[in-house]
Amino acid sequence: MNAIGYEEGMLVRRALGLERSRAVCRNRVAVHSNGSDIKLAQSLADKGVMIRTPRADYGSMKVFSVTPEGARAVGKKLPPDHTPLAH
């Protein structure tokens, strides 16, 4: 896996709920299809750090989940109940 940059790491941390907690408390982030974070999320998916979860999309909001490799990139381990299923 390629190293991730600061902004990428912040999106991964947001997806894991780490902006307010030290422990992983979720594993999803919704980004607007025309927003500034969609390119970042797609880049992370291309790197294997996130996966797209289209069944969770709502309207123009596209949902991504962090892979175990992505969690490791920010120094965390995904709990079993937050590990995404392969699509």
PDB file of N, CA and C in Angstrom:
ATOM      1  N   MET A   1       0.838  -1.175   0.000  1.00  0.00           N
ATOM      2  CA  MET A   1       0.000   0.000   0.000  1.00  0.00           C
ATOM      3  C   MET A   1       0.886   1.243   0.000  1.00  0.00           C
ATOM      4  N   ASN A   2       0.491   2.220  -0.779  1.00  0.00           N
ATOM      5  CA  ASN A   2       1.212   3.495  -0.814  1.00  0.00           C
ATOM      6  C   ASN A   2       0.948   4.278   0.464  1.00  0.00           C
ATOM      7  N   ALA A   3       1.893   5.117   0.831  1.00  0.00           N
ATOM      8  CA  ALA A   3       1.698   5.995   1.992  1.00  0.00           C
ATOM      9  C   ALA A   3       0.566   6.972   1.686  1.00  0.00           C
ATOM     10  N   ILE A   4      -0.103   7.419   2.734  1.00  0.00           N
ATOM     11  CA  ILE A   4      -1.182   8.380   2.535  1.00  0.00           C
ATOM     12  C   ILE A   4      -0.763   9.737   3.089  1.00  0.00           C
ATOM     13  N   GLY A   5      -1.299  10.778   2.469  1.00  0.00           N
ATOM     14  CA  GLY A   5      -0.985  12.140   2.879  1.00  0.00           C
ATOM     15  C   GLY A   5      -1.848  12.598   4.046  1.00  0.00           C
ATOM     16  N   TYR A   6      -1.591  13.822   4.476  1.00  0.00           N
ATOM     17  CA  TYR A   6      -2.292  14.379   5.633  1.00  0.00           C
ATOM     18  C   TYR A   6      -3.806  14.429   5.414  1.00  0.00           C
ATOM     19  N   GLU A   7      -4.251  15.004   4.298  1.00  0.00           N
ATOM     20  CA  GLU A   7      -5.692  15.126   4.034  1.00  0.00           C
ATOM     21  C   GLU A   7      -6.343  13.747   3.912  1.00  0.00           C
ATOM     22  N   GLU A   8      -5.639  12.806   3.291  1.00  0.00           N
ATOM     23  CA  GLU A   8      -6.161  11.444   3.188  1.00  0.00           C
ATOM     24  C   GLU A   8      -6.301  10.825   4.573  1.00  0.00           C
ATOM     25  N   GLY A   9      -5.291  11.003   5.399  1.00  0.00           N
ATOM     26  CA  GLY A   9      -5.340  10.477   6.761  1.00  0.00           C
ATOM     27  C   GLY A   9      -6.485  11.070   7.562  1.00  0.00           C
ATOM     28  N   MET A  10      -6.749  12.356   7.358  1.00  0.00           N
ATOM     29  CA  MET A  10      -7.851  13.003   8.077  1.00  0.00           C
ATOM     30  C   MET A  10      -9.202  12.437   7.637  1.00  0.00           C
ATOM     31  N   LEU A  11      -9.354  12.116   6.350  1.00  0.00           N
ATOM     32  CA  LEU A  11     -10.607  11.517   5.887  1.00  0.00           C
ATOM     33  C   LEU A  11     -10.772  10.112   6.469  1.00  0.00           C
ATOM     34  N   VAL A  12      -9.698   9.343   6.521  1.00  0.00           N
ATOM     35  CA  VAL A  12      -9.743   8.011   7.130  1.00  0.00           C
ATOM     36  C   VAL A  12     -10.118   8.132   8.608  1.00  0.00           C
ATOM     37  N   ARG A  13      -9.498   9.047   9.315  1.00  0.00           N
ATOM     38  CA  ARG A  13      -9.802   9.252  10.738  1.00  0.00           C
ATOM     39  C   ARG A  13     -11.266   9.657  10.928  1.00  0.00           C
ATOM     40  N   ARG A  14     -11.768  10.522  10.050  1.00  0.00           N
ATOM     41  CA  ARG A  14     -13.177  10.925  10.143  1.00  0.00           C
ATOM     42  C   ARG A  14     -14.100   9.723   9.934  1.00  0.00           C
ATOM     43  N   ALA A  15     -13.764   8.877   8.960  1.00  0.00           N
ATOM     44  CA  ALA A  15     -14.579   7.690   8.694  1.00  0.00           C
ATOM     45  C   ALA A  15     -14.618   6.751   9.895  1.00  0.00           C
ATOM     46  N   LEU A  16     -13.526   6.699  10.642  1.00  0.00           N
ATOM     47  CA  LEU A  16     -13.438   5.796  11.798  1.00  0.00           C
ATOM     48  C   LEU A  16     -13.951   6.432  13.089  1.00  0.00           C
ATOM     49  N   GLY A  17     -14.393   7.685  13.011  1.00  0.00           N
ATOM     50  CA  GLY A  17     -14.909   8.366  14.198  1.00  0.00           C
ATOM     51  C   GLY A  17     -13.824   8.847  15.135  1.00  0.00           C
ATOM     52  N   LEU A  18     -12.618   9.015  14.613  1.00  0.00           N
ATOM     53  CA  LEU A  18     -11.485   9.375  15.464  1.00  0.00           C
ATOM     54  C   LEU A  18     -11.330  10.882  15.658  1.00  0.00           C
ATOM     55  N   GLU A  19     -12.248  11.666  15.109  1.00  0.00           N
ATOM     56  CA  GLU A  19     -12.151  13.103  15.323  1.00  0.00           C
ATOM     57  C   GLU A  19     -12.572  13.491  16.735  1.00  0.00           C
ATOM     58  N   ARG A  20     -13.321  12.616  17.410  1.00  0.00           N
ATOM     59  CA  ARG A  20     -13.767  12.892  18.778  1.00  0.00           C
ATOM     60  C   ARG A  20     -13.436  11.769  19.759  1.00  0.00           C
ATOM     61  N   SER A  21     -12.764  10.765  19.296  1.00  0.00           N
ATOM     62  CA  SER A  21     -12.521   9.586  20.124  1.00  0.00           C
ATOM     63  C   SER A  21     -11.151   9.007  19.798  1.00  0.00           C
ATOM     64  N   ARG A  22     -10.582   8.289  20.754  1.00  0.00           N
ATOM     65  CA  ARG A  22      -9.319   7.580  20.495  1.00  0.00           C
ATOM     66  C   ARG A  22      -9.570   6.191  19.931  1.00  0.00           C
ATOM     67  N   ALA A  23     -10.777   5.684  20.149  1.00  0.00           N
ATOM     68  CA  ALA A  23     -11.118   4.333  19.702  1.00  0.00           C
ATOM     69  C   ALA A  23     -11.996   4.398  18.455  1.00  0.00           C
ATOM     70  N   VAL A  24     -11.843   3.410  17.584  1.00  0.00           N
ATOM     71  CA  VAL A  24     -12.686   3.311  16.395  1.00  0.00           C
ATOM     72  C   VAL A  24     -14.127   3.098  16.849  1.00  0.00           C
ATOM     73  N   CYS A  25     -15.021   3.977  16.418  1.00  0.00           N
ATOM     74  CA  CYS A  25     -16.419   3.853  16.839  1.00  0.00           C
ATOM     75  C   CYS A  25     -17.373   3.714  15.661  1.00  0.00           C
ATOM     76  N   ARG A  26     -16.866   3.780  14.434  1.00  0.00           N
ATOM     77  CA  ARG A  26     -17.679   3.547  13.234  1.00  0.00           C
ATOM     78  C   ARG A  26     -16.716   3.265  12.088  1.00  0.00           C
ATOM     79  N   ASN A  27     -17.275   2.931  10.942  1.00  0.00           N
ATOM     80  CA  ASN A  27     -16.445   2.731   9.760  1.00  0.00           C
ATOM     81  C   ASN A  27     -17.229   3.102   8.512  1.00  0.00           C
ATOM     82  N   ARG A  28     -17.463   4.386   8.351  1.00  0.00           N
ATOM     83  CA  ARG A  28     -18.124   4.870   7.150  1.00  0.00           C
ATOM     84  C   ARG A  28     -17.954   6.383   7.085  1.00  0.00           C
ATOM     85  N   VAL A  29     -17.924   6.860   5.866  1.00  0.00           N
ATOM     86  CA  VAL A  29     -17.939   8.300   5.640  1.00  0.00           C
ATOM     87  C   VAL A  29     -18.727   8.529   4.357  1.00  0.00           C
ATOM     88  N   ALA A  30     -19.588   9.522   4.379  1.00  0.00           N
ATOM     89  CA  ALA A  30     -20.361   9.895   3.199  1.00  0.00           C
ATOM     90  C   ALA A  30     -19.770  11.175   2.628  1.00  0.00           C
ATOM     91  N   VAL A  31     -19.502  11.154   1.339  1.00  0.00           N
ATOM     92  CA  VAL A  31     -18.968  12.335   0.664  1.00  0.00           C
ATOM     93  C   VAL A  31     -19.891  12.678  -0.497  1.00  0.00           C
ATOM     94  N   HIS A  32     -20.073  13.962  -0.740  1.00  0.00           N
ATOM     95  CA  HIS A  32     -20.953  14.407  -1.815  1.00  0.00           C
ATOM     96  C   HIS A  32     -20.295  14.131  -3.160  1.00  0.00           C
ATOM     97  N   SER A  33     -21.089  13.665  -4.108  1.00  0.00           N
ATOM     98  CA  SER A  33     -20.537  13.291  -5.412  1.00  0.00           C
ATOM     99  C   SER A  33     -19.919  14.477  -6.151  1.00  0.00           C
ATOM    100  N   ASN A  34     -20.279  15.694  -5.782  1.00  0.00           N
ATOM    101  CA  ASN A  34     -19.677  16.885  -6.392  1.00  0.00           C
ATOM    102  C   ASN A  34     -18.790  17.647  -5.414  1.00  0.00           C
ATOM    103  N   GLY A  35     -18.565  17.087  -4.239  1.00  0.00           N
ATOM    104  CA  GLY A  35     -17.811  17.788  -3.199  1.00  0.00           C
ATOM    105  C   GLY A  35     -16.310  17.614  -3.323  1.00  0.00           C
ATOM    106  N   SER A  36     -15.612  18.273  -2.431  1.00  0.00           N
ATOM    107  CA  SER A  36     -14.147  18.249  -2.467  1.00  0.00           C
ATOM    108  C   SER A  36     -13.560  16.924  -1.986  1.00  0.00           C
ATOM    109  N   ASP A  37     -14.305  16.162  -1.187  1.00  0.00           N
ATOM    110  CA  ASP A  37     -13.760  14.917  -0.629  1.00  0.00           C
ATOM    111  C   ASP A  37     -13.935  13.699  -1.532  1.00  0.00           C
ATOM    112  N   ILE A  38     -14.749  13.792  -2.586  1.00  0.00           N
ATOM    113  CA  ILE A  38     -14.994  12.612  -3.427  1.00  0.00           C
ATOM    114  C   ILE A  38     -13.703  12.153  -4.116  1.00  0.00           C
ATOM    115  N   LYS A  39     -12.909  13.073  -4.625  1.00  0.00           N
ATOM    116  CA  LYS A  39     -11.652  12.683  -5.288  1.00  0.00           C
ATOM    117  C   LYS A  39     -10.688  12.053  -4.289  1.00  0.00           C
ATOM    118  N   LEU A  40     -10.670  12.592  -3.087  1.00  0.00           N
ATOM    119  CA  LEU A  40      -9.823  12.053  -2.025  1.00  0.00           C
ATOM    120  C   LEU A  40     -10.246  10.624  -1.684  1.00  0.00           C
ATOM    121  N   ALA A  41     -11.554  10.415  -1.511  1.00  0.00           N
ATOM    122  CA  ALA A  41     -12.069   9.087  -1.175  1.00  0.00           C
ATOM    123  C   ALA A  41     -11.806   8.096  -2.304  1.00  0.00           C
ATOM    124  N   GLN A  42     -11.997   8.518  -3.542  1.00  0.00           N
ATOM    125  CA  GLN A  42     -11.738   7.627  -4.674  1.00  0.00           C
ATOM    126  C   GLN A  42     -10.252   7.283  -4.774  1.00  0.00           C
ATOM    127  N   SER A  43      -9.395   8.255  -4.490  1.00  0.00           N
ATOM    128  CA  SER A  43      -7.954   7.998  -4.488  1.00  0.00           C
ATOM    129  C   SER A  43      -7.593   6.975  -3.410  1.00  0.00           C
ATOM    130  N   LEU A  44      -8.208   7.113  -2.245  1.00  0.00           N
ATOM    131  CA  LEU A  44      -7.969   6.154  -1.157  1.00  0.00           C
ATOM    132  C   LEU A  44      -8.477   4.764  -1.535  1.00  0.00           C
ATOM    133  N   ALA A  45      -9.597   4.701  -2.238  1.00  0.00           N
ATOM    134  CA  ALA A  45     -10.109   3.406  -2.699  1.00  0.00           C
ATOM    135  C   ALA A  45      -9.139   2.784  -3.703  1.00  0.00           C
ATOM    136  N   ASP A  46      -8.586   3.598  -4.592  1.00  0.00           N
ATOM    137  CA  ASP A  46      -7.604   3.096  -5.566  1.00  0.00           C
ATOM    138  C   ASP A  46      -6.356   2.551  -4.875  1.00  0.00           C
ATOM    139  N   LYS A  47      -6.012   3.112  -3.727  1.00  0.00           N
ATOM    140  CA  LYS A  47      -4.839   2.671  -2.962  1.00  0.00           C
ATOM    141  C   LYS A  47      -5.138   1.487  -2.049  1.00  0.00           C
ATOM    142  N   GLY A  48      -6.413   1.079  -1.946  1.00  0.00           N
ATOM    143  CA  GLY A  48      -6.773  -0.029  -1.065  1.00  0.00           C
ATOM    144  C   GLY A  48      -6.991   0.381   0.377  1.00  0.00           C
ATOM    145  N   VAL A  49      -7.066   1.681   0.635  1.00  0.00           N
ATOM    146  CA  VAL A  49      -7.248   2.198   1.990  1.00  0.00           C
ATOM    147  C   VAL A  49      -8.731   2.248   2.357  1.00  0.00           C
ATOM    148  N   MET A  50      -9.580   2.485   1.354  1.00  0.00           N
ATOM    149  CA  MET A  50     -11.033   2.522   1.546  1.00  0.00           C
ATOM    150  C   MET A  50     -11.683   1.678   0.459  1.00  0.00           C
ATOM    151  N   ILE A  51     -12.926   1.310   0.711  1.00  0.00           N
ATOM    152  CA  ILE A  51     -13.735   0.674  -0.324  1.00  0.00           C
ATOM    153  C   ILE A  51     -15.047   1.430  -0.414  1.00  0.00           C
ATOM    154  N   ARG A  52     -15.604   1.451  -1.596  1.00  0.00           N
ATOM    155  CA  ARG A  52     -16.896   2.100  -1.824  1.00  0.00           C
ATOM    156  C   ARG A  52     -17.985   1.128  -1.409  1.00  0.00           C
ATOM    157  N   THR A  53     -18.996   1.620  -0.718  1.00  0.00           N
ATOM    158  CA  THR A  53     -20.131   0.787  -0.304  1.00  0.00           C
ATOM    159  C   THR A  53     -21.405   1.366  -0.914  1.00  0.00           C
ATOM    160  N   PRO A  54     -21.630   1.113  -2.224  1.00  0.00           N
ATOM    161  CA  PRO A  54     -22.740   1.743  -2.937  1.00  0.00           C
ATOM    162  C   PRO A  54     -24.119   1.429  -2.363  1.00  0.00           C
ATOM    163  N   ARG A  55     -24.288   0.291  -1.746  1.00  0.00           N
ATOM    164  CA  ARG A  55     -25.612  -0.034  -1.202  1.00  0.00           C
ATOM    165  C   ARG A  55     -26.000   0.901  -0.053  1.00  0.00           C
ATOM    166  N   ALA A  56     -25.017   1.590   0.518  1.00  0.00           N
ATOM    167  CA  ALA A  56     -25.283   2.528   1.612  1.00  0.00           C
ATOM    168  C   ALA A  56     -25.427   3.974   1.126  1.00  0.00           C
ATOM    169  N   ASP A  57     -25.212   4.215  -0.182  1.00  0.00           N
ATOM    170  CA  ASP A  57     -25.345   5.573  -0.718  1.00  0.00           C
ATOM    171  C   ASP A  57     -26.750   6.101  -0.483  1.00  0.00           C
ATOM    172  N   TYR A  58     -26.846   7.402  -0.345  1.00  0.00           N
ATOM    173  CA  TYR A  58     -28.162   8.039  -0.286  1.00  0.00           C
ATOM    174  C   TYR A  58     -28.097   9.338  -1.072  1.00  0.00           C
ATOM    175  N   GLY A  59     -28.928   9.394  -2.114  1.00  0.00           N
ATOM    176  CA  GLY A  59     -28.919  10.561  -2.993  1.00  0.00           C
ATOM    177  C   GLY A  59     -27.544  10.766  -3.600  1.00  0.00           C
ATOM    178  N   SER A  60     -27.058  11.985  -3.513  1.00  0.00           N
ATOM    179  CA  SER A  60     -25.750  12.306  -4.084  1.00  0.00           C
ATOM    180  C   SER A  60     -24.603  12.045  -3.106  1.00  0.00           C
ATOM    181  N   MET A  61     -24.916  11.467  -1.949  1.00  0.00           N
ATOM    182  CA  MET A  61     -23.885  11.140  -0.963  1.00  0.00           C
ATOM    183  C   MET A  61     -23.373   9.722  -1.222  1.00  0.00           C
ATOM    184  N   LYS A  62     -22.096   9.597  -1.453  1.00  0.00           N
ATOM    185  CA  LYS A  62     -21.447   8.314  -1.723  1.00  0.00           C
ATOM    186  C   LYS A  62     -20.735   7.859  -0.455  1.00  0.00           C
ATOM    187  N   VAL A  63     -20.934   6.599  -0.095  1.00  0.00           N
ATOM    188  CA  VAL A  63     -20.422   6.087   1.178  1.00  0.00           C
ATOM    189  C   VAL A  63     -19.201   5.196   0.938  1.00  0.00           C
ATOM    190  N   PHE A  64     -18.183   5.425   1.745  1.00  0.00           N
ATOM    191  CA  PHE A  64     -16.941   4.659   1.709  1.00  0.00           C
ATOM    192  C   PHE A  64     -16.663   4.107   3.100  1.00  0.00           C
ATOM    193  N   SER A  65     -16.001   2.939   3.152  1.00  0.00           N
ATOM    194  CA  SER A  65     -15.562   2.329   4.411  1.00  0.00           C
ATOM    195  C   SER A  65     -14.056   2.128   4.361  1.00  0.00           C
ATOM    196  N   VAL A  66     -13.445   2.112   5.517  1.00  0.00           N
ATOM    197  CA  VAL A  66     -11.994   1.947   5.635  1.00  0.00           C
ATOM    198  C   VAL A  66     -11.654   0.458   5.683  1.00  0.00           C
ATOM    199  N   THR A  67     -10.623   0.067   4.966  1.00  0.00           N
ATOM    200  CA  THR A  67     -10.140  -1.313   5.000  1.00  0.00           C
ATOM    201  C   THR A  67      -9.221  -1.489   6.213  1.00  0.00           C
ATOM    202  N   PRO A  68      -8.936  -2.735   6.591  1.00  0.00           N
ATOM    203  CA  PRO A  68      -7.964  -2.947   7.675  1.00  0.00           C
ATOM    204  C   PRO A  68      -6.613  -2.280   7.388  1.00  0.00           C
ATOM    205  N   GLU A  69      -6.191  -2.291   6.122  1.00  0.00           N
ATOM    206  CA  GLU A  69      -4.935  -1.636   5.747  1.00  0.00           C
ATOM    207  C   GLU A  69      -5.027  -0.128   5.962  1.00  0.00           C
ATOM    208  N   GLY A  70      -6.195   0.439   5.668  1.00  0.00           N
ATOM    209  CA  GLY A  70      -6.397   1.869   5.885  1.00  0.00           C
ATOM    210  C   GLY A  70      -6.339   2.238   7.353  1.00  0.00           C
ATOM    211  N   ALA A  71      -6.915   1.394   8.190  1.00  0.00           N
ATOM    212  CA  ALA A  71      -6.864   1.649   9.634  1.00  0.00           C
ATOM    213  C   ALA A  71      -5.415   1.602  10.119  1.00  0.00           C
ATOM    214  N   ARG A  72      -4.650   0.641   9.617  1.00  0.00           N
ATOM    215  CA  ARG A  72      -3.234   0.551   9.996  1.00  0.00           C
ATOM    216  C   ARG A  72      -2.459   1.796   9.562  1.00  0.00           C
ATOM    217  N   ALA A  73      -2.866   2.389   8.444  1.00  0.00           N
ATOM    218  CA  ALA A  73      -2.175   3.583   7.941  1.00  0.00           C
ATOM    219  C   ALA A  73      -2.299   4.771   8.891  1.00  0.00           C
ATOM    220  N   VAL A  74      -3.333   4.755   9.750  1.00  0.00           N
ATOM    221  CA  VAL A  74      -3.485   5.826  10.752  1.00  0.00           C
ATOM    222  C   VAL A  74      -3.226   5.297  12.158  1.00  0.00           C
ATOM    223  N   GLY A  75      -2.577   4.133  12.241  1.00  0.00           N
ATOM    224  CA  GLY A  75      -2.159   3.593  13.535  1.00  0.00           C
ATOM    225  C   GLY A  75      -3.253   2.930  14.338  1.00  0.00           C
ATOM    226  N   LYS A  76      -4.287   2.426  13.670  1.00  0.00           N
ATOM    227  CA  LYS A  76      -5.401   1.776  14.364  1.00  0.00           C
ATOM    228  C   LYS A  76      -5.629   0.383  13.810  1.00  0.00           C
ATOM    229  N   LYS A  77      -6.386  -0.410  14.553  1.00  0.00           N
ATOM    230  CA  LYS A  77      -6.803  -1.741  14.124  1.00  0.00           C
ATOM    231  C   LYS A  77      -8.324  -1.753  14.121  1.00  0.00           C
ATOM    232  N   LEU A  78      -8.912  -2.284  13.045  1.00  0.00           N
ATOM    233  CA  LEU A  78     -10.369  -2.344  12.975  1.00  0.00           C
ATOM    234  C   LEU A  78     -10.902  -3.438  13.881  1.00  0.00           C
ATOM    235  N   PRO A  79     -11.860  -3.118  14.741  1.00  0.00           N
ATOM    236  CA  PRO A  79     -12.534  -4.165  15.506  1.00  0.00           C
ATOM    237  C   PRO A  79     -13.326  -5.046  14.534  1.00  0.00           C
ATOM    238  N   PRO A  80     -13.550  -6.313  14.858  1.00  0.00           N
ATOM    239  CA  PRO A  80     -14.264  -7.209  13.947  1.00  0.00           C
ATOM    240  C   PRO A  80     -15.620  -6.671  13.488  1.00  0.00           C
ATOM    241  N   ASP A  81     -16.348  -5.991  14.365  1.00  0.00           N
ATOM    242  CA  ASP A  81     -17.670  -5.502  13.972  1.00  0.00           C
ATOM    243  C   ASP A  81     -17.602  -4.267  13.072  1.00  0.00           C
ATOM    244  N   HIS A  82     -16.430  -3.734  12.811  1.00  0.00           N
ATOM    245  CA  HIS A  82     -16.275  -2.594  11.911  1.00  0.00           C
ATOM    246  C   HIS A  82     -15.488  -2.950  10.653  1.00  0.00           C
ATOM    247  N   THR A  83     -15.211  -4.237  10.451  1.00  0.00           N
ATOM    248  CA  THR A  83     -14.479  -4.668   9.269  1.00  0.00           C
ATOM    249  C   THR A  83     -15.448  -4.775   8.099  1.00  0.00           C
ATOM    250  N   PRO A  84     -15.175  -4.056   6.993  1.00  0.00           N
ATOM    251  CA  PRO A  84     -16.103  -4.087   5.853  1.00  0.00           C
ATOM    252  C   PRO A  84     -16.073  -5.435   5.149  1.00  0.00           C
ATOM    253  N   LEU A  85     -17.213  -5.798   4.604  1.00  0.00           N
ATOM    254  CA  LEU A  85     -17.317  -7.019   3.816  1.00  0.00           C
ATOM    255  C   LEU A  85     -16.823  -6.738   2.409  1.00  0.00           C
ATOM    256  N   ALA A  86     -16.281  -7.740   1.766  1.00  0.00           N
ATOM    257  CA  ALA A  86     -15.838  -7.581   0.375  1.00  0.00           C
ATOM    258  C   ALA A  86     -17.056  -7.396  -0.518  1.00  0.00           C
ATOM    259  N   HIS A  87     -16.924  -6.559  -1.522  1.00  0.00           N
ATOM    260  CA  HIS A  87     -18.033  -6.273  -2.444  1.00  0.00           C
ATOM    261  C   HIS A  87     -17.682  -6.726  -3.823  1.00  0.00           C
TER     262      HIS A  87
END
